[in-house]
Amino acid sequence: MKVSKEIISALEKDKVAPIIGNPNGKTIIYEFFDYNCGHCKNQNIIMNELIQANKDIKIILKNFPIFPVSHLPAKATVAAQKQGKTFLLHKSLFENHLLPFNYSEIGVETLNKKILDKVLSIAKKIGLNIKKLENDMCSEEVEKEIDITKKIAHQLNIHGTPAIIIKDKVFPGFMDIAEIKEAIK
């Protein structure tokens, strides 16, 4: 699917979305993902390989929590940018299993509390100021970033994750490194 100039413009104007890779990179990739999506965990491995192999890649993270229990980790990643720890938190959230094994037996309120505790524990281990992170997670700016991402995703008919935008094309689903390199050419 081709991305309209209006949507590309909206993506470019977004200065709140977390960035990994080279912040000044000329090759820009937008990655829509969910921390509780198994395919996104695998896509994250590929994206890390990509930014190691190509120092001109700028990946703009578009937190698209398609599962309700993914909203808190999404907010944490956006908020972590204010402490310069986006990449570390992003990587750590994907490396850790956020959902408790008995999650289907737990009420939503208890489940969200367990996920928040896990996210904050991970954040503390990587050196984030937890009080600041919690305050920033509650900010209007963070919530607005996630809402904008959801709006853009729906405009692009993205209903699942991962989804990647390279140049002016949407690539729904998992992409291997060869497919991404081909799309970048």
N, C-alpha and C. Protein backbone atom coordinates (compact mmCIF):
# COMPACT_ATOMS: atom_id res chain seq x y z
N MET A 1 0.84 -1.18 0.00
CA MET A 1 0.00 0.00 0.00
C MET A 1 0.88 1.24 0.00
N LYS A 2 0.51 2.19 -0.82
CA LYS A 2 1.24 3.45 -0.90
C LYS A 2 0.75 4.40 0.18
N VAL A 3 1.68 5.13 0.79
CA VAL A 3 1.35 6.07 1.86
C VAL A 3 1.24 7.47 1.26
N SER A 4 0.15 8.14 1.58
CA SER A 4 -0.08 9.49 1.03
C SER A 4 0.94 10.48 1.58
N LYS A 5 1.11 11.58 0.84
CA LYS A 5 2.02 12.64 1.27
C LYS A 5 1.56 13.25 2.59
N GLU A 6 0.25 13.30 2.79
CA GLU A 6 -0.28 13.87 4.04
C GLU A 6 0.12 13.03 5.25
N ILE A 7 0.05 11.71 5.09
CA ILE A 7 0.42 10.84 6.21
C ILE A 7 1.93 10.88 6.43
N ILE A 8 2.71 10.87 5.36
CA ILE A 8 4.17 10.99 5.50
C ILE A 8 4.50 12.30 6.22
N SER A 9 3.81 13.36 5.85
CA SER A 9 4.03 14.66 6.49
C SER A 9 3.70 14.59 7.99
N ALA A 10 2.58 13.93 8.33
CA ALA A 10 2.21 13.79 9.75
C ALA A 10 3.25 12.97 10.50
N LEU A 11 3.77 11.92 9.88
CA LEU A 11 4.80 11.11 10.51
C LEU A 11 6.08 11.92 10.72
N GLU A 12 6.44 12.73 9.72
CA GLU A 12 7.66 13.54 9.81
C GLU A 12 7.55 14.62 10.87
N LYS A 13 6.35 15.15 11.09
CA LYS A 13 6.14 16.22 12.08
C LYS A 13 6.17 15.70 13.50
N ASP A 14 5.99 14.42 13.67
CA ASP A 14 5.93 13.81 15.00
C ASP A 14 7.32 13.83 15.63
N LYS A 15 7.50 14.66 16.63
CA LYS A 15 8.80 14.79 17.30
C LYS A 15 8.83 14.06 18.64
N VAL A 16 7.75 13.34 18.98
CA VAL A 16 7.67 12.65 20.26
C VAL A 16 8.00 11.17 20.12
N ALA A 17 7.77 10.59 18.94
CA ALA A 17 8.00 9.15 18.74
C ALA A 17 9.45 8.81 19.03
N PRO A 18 9.67 7.75 19.81
CA PRO A 18 11.05 7.32 20.11
C PRO A 18 11.78 6.88 18.84
N ILE A 19 13.09 7.06 18.87
CA ILE A 19 13.95 6.72 17.72
C ILE A 19 15.05 5.78 18.20
N ILE A 20 15.33 4.75 17.37
CA ILE A 20 16.52 3.92 17.60
C ILE A 20 17.35 3.99 16.32
N GLY A 21 18.61 3.62 16.44
CA GLY A 21 19.51 3.74 15.30
C GLY A 21 20.12 5.13 15.31
N ASN A 22 20.42 5.63 14.14
CA ASN A 22 21.05 6.95 13.98
C ASN A 22 19.97 8.03 13.93
N PRO A 23 19.90 8.90 14.94
CA PRO A 23 18.86 9.95 14.93
C PRO A 23 18.95 10.87 13.72
N ASN A 24 20.12 10.93 13.09
CA ASN A 24 20.31 11.77 11.90
C ASN A 24 20.37 10.94 10.62
N GLY A 25 19.99 9.67 10.71
CA GLY A 25 20.06 8.78 9.56
C GLY A 25 19.21 9.26 8.40
N LYS A 26 19.71 9.02 7.22
CA LYS A 26 19.00 9.43 5.99
C LYS A 26 17.94 8.41 5.58
N THR A 27 18.14 7.15 5.96
CA THR A 27 17.17 6.10 5.64
C THR A 27 16.23 5.96 6.83
N ILE A 28 14.98 6.35 6.61
CA ILE A 28 14.00 6.38 7.70
C ILE A 28 13.02 5.22 7.54
N ILE A 29 12.83 4.50 8.65
CA ILE A 29 11.88 3.39 8.70
C ILE A 29 10.94 3.66 9.87
N TYR A 30 9.65 3.52 9.63
CA TYR A 30 8.65 3.61 10.70
C TYR A 30 8.22 2.19 11.01
N GLU A 31 8.32 1.83 12.29
CA GLU A 31 7.95 0.48 12.70
C GLU A 31 6.77 0.53 13.67
N PHE A 32 5.64 -0.02 13.27
CA PHE A 32 4.46 -0.14 14.12
C PHE A 32 4.56 -1.51 14.80
N PHE A 33 4.47 -1.54 16.13
CA PHE A 33 4.69 -2.79 16.85
C PHE A 33 3.91 -2.81 18.16
N ASP A 34 3.87 -4.00 18.75
CA ASP A 34 3.23 -4.23 20.05
C ASP A 34 4.17 -5.12 20.86
N TYR A 35 4.42 -4.75 22.10
CA TYR A 35 5.37 -5.51 22.93
C TYR A 35 4.92 -6.92 23.26
N ASN A 36 3.65 -7.22 23.11
CA ASN A 36 3.17 -8.58 23.40
C ASN A 36 2.90 -9.38 22.13
N CYS A 37 3.43 -8.93 21.03
CA CYS A 37 3.27 -9.62 19.74
C CYS A 37 4.53 -10.45 19.47
N GLY A 38 4.35 -11.74 19.30
CA GLY A 38 5.47 -12.63 19.04
C GLY A 38 6.22 -12.29 17.76
N HIS A 39 5.49 -11.93 16.71
CA HIS A 39 6.14 -11.56 15.44
C HIS A 39 6.96 -10.27 15.61
N CYS A 40 6.46 -9.37 16.47
CA CYS A 40 7.19 -8.12 16.72
C CYS A 40 8.51 -8.39 17.45
N LYS A 41 8.51 -9.37 18.33
CA LYS A 41 9.76 -9.74 19.02
C LYS A 41 10.80 -10.19 17.99
N ASN A 42 10.37 -10.99 17.03
CA ASN A 42 11.29 -11.44 15.98
C ASN A 42 11.69 -10.28 15.07
N GLN A 43 10.75 -9.38 14.78
CA GLN A 43 11.06 -8.22 13.94
C GLN A 43 12.08 -7.34 14.65
N ASN A 44 11.97 -7.23 15.97
CA ASN A 44 12.91 -6.43 16.74
C ASN A 44 14.35 -6.95 16.59
N ILE A 45 14.52 -8.25 16.56
CA ILE A 45 15.85 -8.84 16.37
C ILE A 45 16.41 -8.41 15.01
N ILE A 46 15.57 -8.46 13.99
CA ILE A 46 15.99 -8.05 12.64
C ILE A 46 16.34 -6.56 12.62
N MET A 47 15.52 -5.75 13.27
CA MET A 47 15.78 -4.30 13.27
C MET A 47 17.10 -3.99 13.98
N ASN A 48 17.38 -4.70 15.06
CA ASN A 48 18.66 -4.50 15.75
C ASN A 48 19.83 -4.89 14.85
N GLU A 49 19.71 -5.99 14.12
CA GLU A 49 20.75 -6.40 13.17
C GLU A 49 20.92 -5.32 12.09
N LEU A 50 19.81 -4.78 11.64
CA LEU A 50 19.83 -3.77 10.59
C LEU A 50 20.57 -2.51 11.03
N ILE A 51 20.28 -2.03 12.23
CA ILE A 51 20.95 -0.80 12.67
C ILE A 51 22.42 -1.04 13.01
N GLN A 52 22.79 -2.28 13.30
CA GLN A 52 24.20 -2.60 13.51
C GLN A 52 24.94 -2.64 12.17
N ALA A 53 24.26 -3.11 11.13
CA ALA A 53 24.87 -3.27 9.81
C ALA A 53 24.89 -1.97 9.01
N ASN A 54 23.96 -1.07 9.29
CA ASN A 54 23.84 0.15 8.51
C ASN A 54 23.71 1.33 9.46
N LYS A 55 24.74 2.11 9.56
CA LYS A 55 24.78 3.24 10.51
C LYS A 55 23.98 4.45 10.01
N ASP A 56 23.36 4.34 8.85
CA ASP A 56 22.56 5.45 8.32
C ASP A 56 21.06 5.19 8.47
N ILE A 57 20.68 4.20 9.29
CA ILE A 57 19.28 3.84 9.49
C ILE A 57 18.73 4.56 10.72
N LYS A 58 17.59 5.18 10.53
CA LYS A 58 16.84 5.81 11.62
C LYS A 58 15.49 5.10 11.69
N ILE A 59 15.25 4.40 12.80
CA ILE A 59 13.97 3.71 12.97
C ILE A 59 13.13 4.48 13.96
N ILE A 60 11.99 4.93 13.49
CA ILE A 60 11.06 5.67 14.34
C ILE A 60 10.03 4.67 14.84
N LEU A 61 10.00 4.51 16.16
CA LEU A 61 9.14 3.52 16.79
C LEU A 61 7.72 4.06 16.94
N LYS A 62 6.78 3.34 16.40
CA LYS A 62 5.38 3.71 16.50
C LYS A 62 4.68 2.65 17.36
N ASN A 63 4.58 2.96 18.64
CA ASN A 63 3.92 2.07 19.58
C ASN A 63 2.45 1.94 19.21
N PHE A 64 2.08 0.75 18.79
CA PHE A 64 0.71 0.48 18.35
C PHE A 64 0.18 -0.70 19.18
N PRO A 65 -0.22 -0.42 20.42
CA PRO A 65 -0.67 -1.50 21.30
C PRO A 65 -2.01 -2.09 20.86
N ILE A 66 -1.94 -3.18 20.10
CA ILE A 66 -3.18 -3.80 19.62
C ILE A 66 -3.81 -4.66 20.71
N PHE A 67 -3.01 -5.09 21.67
CA PHE A 67 -3.53 -5.83 22.81
C PHE A 67 -3.69 -4.83 23.96
N PRO A 68 -4.83 -4.82 24.64
CA PRO A 68 -5.03 -3.84 25.73
C PRO A 68 -3.93 -3.87 26.79
N VAL A 69 -3.36 -5.03 27.05
CA VAL A 69 -2.30 -5.13 28.07
C VAL A 69 -0.97 -4.56 27.59
N SER A 70 -0.92 -4.07 26.38
CA SER A 70 0.32 -3.53 25.83
C SER A 70 0.40 -2.01 25.95
N HIS A 71 -0.66 -1.39 26.44
CA HIS A 71 -0.68 0.06 26.52
C HIS A 71 0.37 0.60 27.50
N LEU A 72 0.53 -0.05 28.64
CA LEU A 72 1.51 0.43 29.63
C LEU A 72 2.95 0.33 29.14
N PRO A 73 3.37 -0.79 28.56
CA PRO A 73 4.74 -0.81 28.02
C PRO A 73 4.95 0.23 26.91
N ALA A 74 3.92 0.47 26.11
CA ALA A 74 4.02 1.48 25.05
C ALA A 74 4.25 2.86 25.66
N LYS A 75 3.47 3.19 26.67
CA LYS A 75 3.63 4.49 27.34
C LYS A 75 5.02 4.61 27.96
N ALA A 76 5.53 3.54 28.53
CA ALA A 76 6.85 3.57 29.17
C ALA A 76 7.95 3.87 28.15
N THR A 77 7.85 3.26 26.98
CA THR A 77 8.88 3.49 25.97
C THR A 77 8.88 4.92 25.47
N VAL A 78 7.70 5.46 25.23
CA VAL A 78 7.61 6.85 24.79
C VAL A 78 8.16 7.76 25.90
N ALA A 79 7.78 7.50 27.14
CA ALA A 79 8.24 8.32 28.26
C ALA A 79 9.74 8.19 28.50
N ALA A 80 10.32 7.04 28.23
CA ALA A 80 11.76 6.80 28.46
C ALA A 80 12.63 7.69 27.59
N GLN A 81 12.05 8.19 26.50
CA GLN A 81 12.81 9.06 25.62
C GLN A 81 13.28 10.31 26.37
N LYS A 82 12.49 10.78 27.33
CA LYS A 82 12.85 11.98 28.10
C LYS A 82 14.09 11.76 28.96
N GLN A 83 14.44 10.49 29.18
CA GLN A 83 15.65 10.17 29.95
C GLN A 83 16.75 9.59 29.06
N GLY A 84 16.53 9.59 27.75
CA GLY A 84 17.54 9.11 26.83
C GLY A 84 17.78 7.61 26.89
N LYS A 85 16.78 6.86 27.32
CA LYS A 85 16.95 5.42 27.49
C LYS A 85 15.97 4.61 26.65
N THR A 86 15.47 5.20 25.59
CA THR A 86 14.48 4.51 24.75
C THR A 86 15.00 3.18 24.25
N PHE A 87 16.19 3.19 23.64
CA PHE A 87 16.70 1.96 23.03
C PHE A 87 16.85 0.85 24.08
N LEU A 88 17.43 1.19 25.22
CA LEU A 88 17.63 0.18 26.27
C LEU A 88 16.30 -0.39 26.77
N LEU A 89 15.31 0.47 26.99
CA LEU A 89 14.03 -0.02 27.48
C LEU A 89 13.33 -0.83 26.39
N HIS A 90 13.34 -0.33 25.18
CA HIS A 90 12.71 -1.03 24.05
C HIS A 90 13.29 -2.44 23.92
N LYS A 91 14.60 -2.51 23.91
CA LYS A 91 15.29 -3.80 23.78
C LYS A 91 14.95 -4.72 24.96
N SER A 92 14.98 -4.18 26.16
CA SER A 92 14.71 -4.98 27.36
C SER A 92 13.27 -5.46 27.44
N LEU A 93 12.33 -4.63 27.01
CA LEU A 93 10.93 -5.06 27.04
C LEU A 93 10.70 -6.23 26.09
N PHE A 94 11.38 -6.21 24.94
CA PHE A 94 11.24 -7.33 24.01
C PHE A 94 11.97 -8.58 24.51
N GLU A 95 13.04 -8.40 25.27
CA GLU A 95 13.80 -9.54 25.76
C GLU A 95 13.14 -10.23 26.94
N ASN A 96 12.20 -9.57 27.58
CA ASN A 96 11.52 -10.12 28.76
C ASN A 96 10.09 -10.46 28.43
N HIS A 97 9.61 -11.51 29.04
CA HIS A 97 8.21 -11.92 28.87
C HIS A 97 7.38 -11.06 29.82
N LEU A 98 6.53 -10.19 29.27
CA LEU A 98 5.78 -9.25 30.09
C LEU A 98 4.52 -9.85 30.71
N LEU A 99 3.89 -10.76 29.99
CA LEU A 99 2.65 -11.35 30.49
C LEU A 99 2.95 -12.48 31.47
N PRO A 100 2.27 -12.49 32.63
CA PRO A 100 2.43 -13.65 33.51
C PRO A 100 1.86 -14.89 32.83
N PHE A 101 2.39 -16.05 33.16
CA PHE A 101 1.97 -17.28 32.49
C PHE A 101 0.50 -17.59 32.68
N ASN A 102 -0.09 -17.17 33.78
CA ASN A 102 -1.51 -17.43 34.02
C ASN A 102 -2.38 -16.21 33.70
N TYR A 103 -1.95 -15.40 32.73
CA TYR A 103 -2.63 -14.14 32.45
C TYR A 103 -4.11 -14.30 32.10
N SER A 104 -4.49 -15.42 31.52
CA SER A 104 -5.90 -15.60 31.14
C SER A 104 -6.80 -15.82 32.37
N GLU A 105 -6.19 -16.12 33.50
CA GLU A 105 -6.95 -16.37 34.72
C GLU A 105 -7.00 -15.15 35.64
N ILE A 106 -6.37 -14.06 35.23
CA ILE A 106 -6.24 -12.86 36.07
C ILE A 106 -7.18 -11.77 35.53
N GLY A 107 -7.79 -11.03 36.43
CA GLY A 107 -8.62 -9.89 36.03
C GLY A 107 -7.77 -8.81 35.40
N VAL A 108 -8.40 -7.96 34.61
CA VAL A 108 -7.69 -6.92 33.86
C VAL A 108 -6.92 -5.98 34.79
N GLU A 109 -7.53 -5.56 35.87
CA GLU A 109 -6.88 -4.62 36.78
C GLU A 109 -5.62 -5.24 37.39
N THR A 110 -5.71 -6.48 37.84
CA THR A 110 -4.56 -7.19 38.42
C THR A 110 -3.50 -7.42 37.35
N LEU A 111 -3.94 -7.78 36.16
CA LEU A 111 -3.00 -8.01 35.06
C LEU A 111 -2.22 -6.74 34.73
N ASN A 112 -2.92 -5.62 34.61
CA ASN A 112 -2.23 -4.35 34.33
C ASN A 112 -1.24 -3.99 35.44
N LYS A 113 -1.60 -4.27 36.68
CA LYS A 113 -0.70 -3.99 37.81
C LYS A 113 0.56 -4.85 37.69
N LYS A 114 0.40 -6.13 37.36
CA LYS A 114 1.55 -7.03 37.21
C LYS A 114 2.45 -6.57 36.05
N ILE A 115 1.83 -6.16 34.95
CA ILE A 115 2.61 -5.69 33.80
C ILE A 115 3.35 -4.41 34.15
N LEU A 116 2.67 -3.47 34.81
CA LEU A 116 3.33 -2.23 35.21
C LEU A 116 4.50 -2.53 36.15
N ASP A 117 4.31 -3.41 37.12
CA ASP A 117 5.40 -3.78 38.02
C ASP A 117 6.58 -4.35 37.25
N LYS A 118 6.31 -5.19 36.26
CA LYS A 118 7.37 -5.80 35.44
C LYS A 118 8.10 -4.72 34.63
N VAL A 119 7.34 -3.82 34.00
CA VAL A 119 7.93 -2.75 33.20
C VAL A 119 8.81 -1.85 34.08
N LEU A 120 8.32 -1.48 35.25
CA LEU A 120 9.08 -0.61 36.14
C LEU A 120 10.33 -1.32 36.68
N SER A 121 10.22 -2.61 36.93
CA SER A 121 11.38 -3.39 37.37
C SER A 121 12.46 -3.41 36.29
N ILE A 122 12.04 -3.62 35.06
CA ILE A 122 12.98 -3.60 33.93
C ILE A 122 13.60 -2.22 33.79
N ALA A 123 12.77 -1.19 33.88
CA ALA A 123 13.25 0.19 33.75
C ALA A 123 14.27 0.52 34.84
N LYS A 124 14.01 0.07 36.03
CA LYS A 124 14.94 0.32 37.15
C LYS A 124 16.28 -0.35 36.89
N LYS A 125 16.25 -1.58 36.38
CA LYS A 125 17.49 -2.33 36.10
C LYS A 125 18.37 -1.63 35.07
N ILE A 126 17.75 -0.92 34.14
CA ILE A 126 18.56 -0.25 33.11
C ILE A 126 18.89 1.20 33.47
N GLY A 127 18.50 1.61 34.68
CA GLY A 127 18.93 2.91 35.17
C GLY A 127 17.97 4.07 34.97
N LEU A 128 16.73 3.80 34.68
CA LEU A 128 15.77 4.89 34.56
C LEU A 128 15.34 5.38 35.94
N ASN A 129 15.07 6.67 36.04
CA ASN A 129 14.51 7.25 37.25
C ASN A 129 13.02 6.89 37.23
N ILE A 130 12.61 6.00 38.12
CA ILE A 130 11.27 5.44 38.09
C ILE A 130 10.20 6.49 38.38
N LYS A 131 10.45 7.35 39.33
CA LYS A 131 9.46 8.40 39.65
C LYS A 131 9.22 9.29 38.42
N LYS A 132 10.30 9.69 37.76
CA LYS A 132 10.16 10.53 36.56
C LYS A 132 9.46 9.74 35.45
N LEU A 133 9.82 8.49 35.29
CA LEU A 133 9.19 7.66 34.26
C LEU A 133 7.69 7.57 34.49
N GLU A 134 7.28 7.28 35.74
CA GLU A 134 5.85 7.17 36.04
C GLU A 134 5.12 8.48 35.77
N ASN A 135 5.75 9.61 36.14
CA ASN A 135 5.13 10.92 35.87
C ASN A 135 5.01 11.16 34.38
N ASP A 136 6.08 10.86 33.64
CA ASP A 136 6.07 11.09 32.19
C ASP A 136 5.08 10.16 31.49
N MET A 137 4.92 8.95 32.00
CA MET A 137 3.95 8.01 31.40
C MET A 137 2.52 8.55 31.50
N CYS A 138 2.26 9.38 32.50
CA CYS A 138 0.92 9.94 32.71
C CYS A 138 0.72 11.26 31.96
N SER A 139 1.74 11.71 31.26
CA SER A 139 1.64 13.01 30.59
C SER A 139 0.72 12.94 29.37
N GLU A 140 0.14 14.07 29.07
CA GLU A 140 -0.74 14.19 27.91
C GLU A 140 0.05 13.94 26.62
N GLU A 141 1.30 14.37 26.60
CA GLU A 141 2.16 14.21 25.43
C GLU A 141 2.34 12.73 25.06
N VAL A 142 2.57 11.89 26.06
CA VAL A 142 2.77 10.46 25.83
C VAL A 142 1.48 9.82 25.32
N GLU A 143 0.38 10.12 25.96
CA GLU A 143 -0.91 9.56 25.54
C GLU A 143 -1.26 10.02 24.11
N LYS A 144 -0.98 11.28 23.83
CA LYS A 144 -1.26 11.83 22.49
C LYS A 144 -0.44 11.11 21.42
N GLU A 145 0.82 10.79 21.74
CA GLU A 145 1.68 10.09 20.78
C GLU A 145 1.08 8.74 20.40
N ILE A 146 0.61 8.01 21.38
CA ILE A 146 0.02 6.69 21.11
C ILE A 146 -1.29 6.84 20.34
N ASP A 147 -2.09 7.84 20.69
CA ASP A 147 -3.34 8.09 19.96
C ASP A 147 -3.09 8.47 18.50
N ILE A 148 -2.07 9.29 18.26
CA ILE A 148 -1.72 9.67 16.88
C ILE A 148 -1.30 8.44 16.09
N THR A 149 -0.50 7.57 16.72
CA THR A 149 -0.06 6.34 16.06
C THR A 149 -1.27 5.49 15.68
N LYS A 150 -2.21 5.33 16.60
CA LYS A 150 -3.41 4.54 16.31
C LYS A 150 -4.20 5.14 15.14
N LYS A 151 -4.33 6.44 15.13
CA LYS A 151 -5.06 7.13 14.06
C LYS A 151 -4.39 6.90 12.70
N ILE A 152 -3.08 7.07 12.67
CA ILE A 152 -2.33 6.87 11.42
C ILE A 152 -2.43 5.41 10.97
N ALA A 153 -2.30 4.49 11.92
CA ALA A 153 -2.40 3.06 11.58
C ALA A 153 -3.75 2.75 10.95
N HIS A 154 -4.81 3.29 11.51
CA HIS A 154 -6.15 3.04 10.96
C HIS A 154 -6.31 3.68 9.58
N GLN A 155 -5.73 4.87 9.39
CA GLN A 155 -5.78 5.51 8.07
C GLN A 155 -5.05 4.67 7.03
N LEU A 156 -4.01 3.95 7.47
CA LEU A 156 -3.24 3.11 6.56
C LEU A 156 -3.77 1.68 6.48
N ASN A 157 -4.88 1.44 7.16
CA ASN A 157 -5.50 0.12 7.18
C ASN A 157 -4.57 -0.93 7.81
N ILE A 158 -3.79 -0.47 8.80
CA ILE A 158 -2.93 -1.37 9.56
C ILE A 158 -3.75 -1.84 10.76
N HIS A 159 -3.97 -3.13 10.85
CA HIS A 159 -4.77 -3.68 11.94
C HIS A 159 -3.99 -4.69 12.77
N GLY A 160 -2.77 -4.96 12.38
CA GLY A 160 -1.94 -5.92 13.10
C GLY A 160 -0.50 -5.45 13.12
N THR A 161 0.29 -6.16 13.88
CA THR A 161 1.70 -5.81 13.98
C THR A 161 2.54 -7.06 13.72
N PRO A 162 3.78 -6.87 13.29
CA PRO A 162 4.41 -5.61 12.95
C PRO A 162 3.93 -5.08 11.59
N ALA A 163 4.15 -3.81 11.39
CA ALA A 163 3.94 -3.17 10.10
C ALA A 163 5.05 -2.13 9.95
N ILE A 164 5.58 -2.04 8.76
CA ILE A 164 6.74 -1.19 8.53
C ILE A 164 6.45 -0.27 7.35
N ILE A 165 6.88 0.98 7.49
CA ILE A 165 6.81 1.93 6.38
C ILE A 165 8.24 2.25 5.97
N ILE A 166 8.51 2.02 4.70
CA ILE A 166 9.80 2.38 4.11
C ILE A 166 9.49 3.20 2.88
N LYS A 167 10.09 4.38 2.85
CA LYS A 167 9.80 5.36 1.80
C LYS A 167 8.31 5.67 1.85
N ASP A 168 7.57 5.31 0.83
CA ASP A 168 6.13 5.62 0.84
C ASP A 168 5.28 4.35 0.73
N LYS A 169 5.81 3.24 1.25
CA LYS A 169 5.09 1.97 1.16
C LYS A 169 4.94 1.33 2.54
N VAL A 170 3.75 0.74 2.75
CA VAL A 170 3.49 -0.02 3.97
C VAL A 170 3.75 -1.49 3.69
N PHE A 171 4.49 -2.11 4.58
CA PHE A 171 4.76 -3.54 4.51
C PHE A 171 4.15 -4.18 5.75
N PRO A 172 2.96 -4.78 5.61
CA PRO A 172 2.35 -5.42 6.78
C PRO A 172 3.00 -6.76 7.07
N GLY A 173 3.15 -7.07 8.34
CA GLY A 173 3.71 -8.36 8.72
C GLY A 173 5.22 -8.33 8.84
N PHE A 174 5.74 -9.46 9.29
CA PHE A 174 7.17 -9.63 9.51
C PHE A 174 7.96 -9.51 8.20
N MET A 175 9.10 -8.82 8.27
CA MET A 175 10.01 -8.72 7.12
C MET A 175 11.39 -9.22 7.56
N ASP A 176 12.01 -10.05 6.72
CA ASP A 176 13.37 -10.45 7.05
C ASP A 176 14.33 -9.36 6.59
N ILE A 177 15.58 -9.50 6.95
CA ILE A 177 16.55 -8.44 6.68
C ILE A 177 16.76 -8.22 5.18
N ALA A 178 16.72 -9.28 4.39
CA ALA A 178 16.89 -9.15 2.94
C ALA A 178 15.73 -8.34 2.34
N GLU A 179 14.52 -8.60 2.81
CA GLU A 179 13.35 -7.86 2.31
C GLU A 179 13.46 -6.37 2.66
N ILE A 180 13.92 -6.08 3.85
CA ILE A 180 14.07 -4.68 4.26
C ILE A 180 15.15 -3.99 3.43
N LYS A 181 16.28 -4.67 3.26
CA LYS A 181 17.37 -4.08 2.46
C LYS A 181 16.91 -3.81 1.03
N GLU A 182 16.12 -4.71 0.48
CA GLU A 182 15.59 -4.53 -0.88
C GLU A 182 14.66 -3.33 -0.93
N ALA A 183 13.82 -3.16 0.08
CA ALA A 183 12.87 -2.04 0.12
C ALA A 183 13.58 -0.70 0.29
N ILE A 184 14.73 -0.72 0.94
CA ILE A 184 15.49 0.51 1.18
C ILE A 184 16.16 1.03 -0.09
N LYS A 185 16.53 0.11 -0.99
CA LYS A 185 17.26 0.50 -2.23
C LYS A 185 16.57 1.62 -2.96
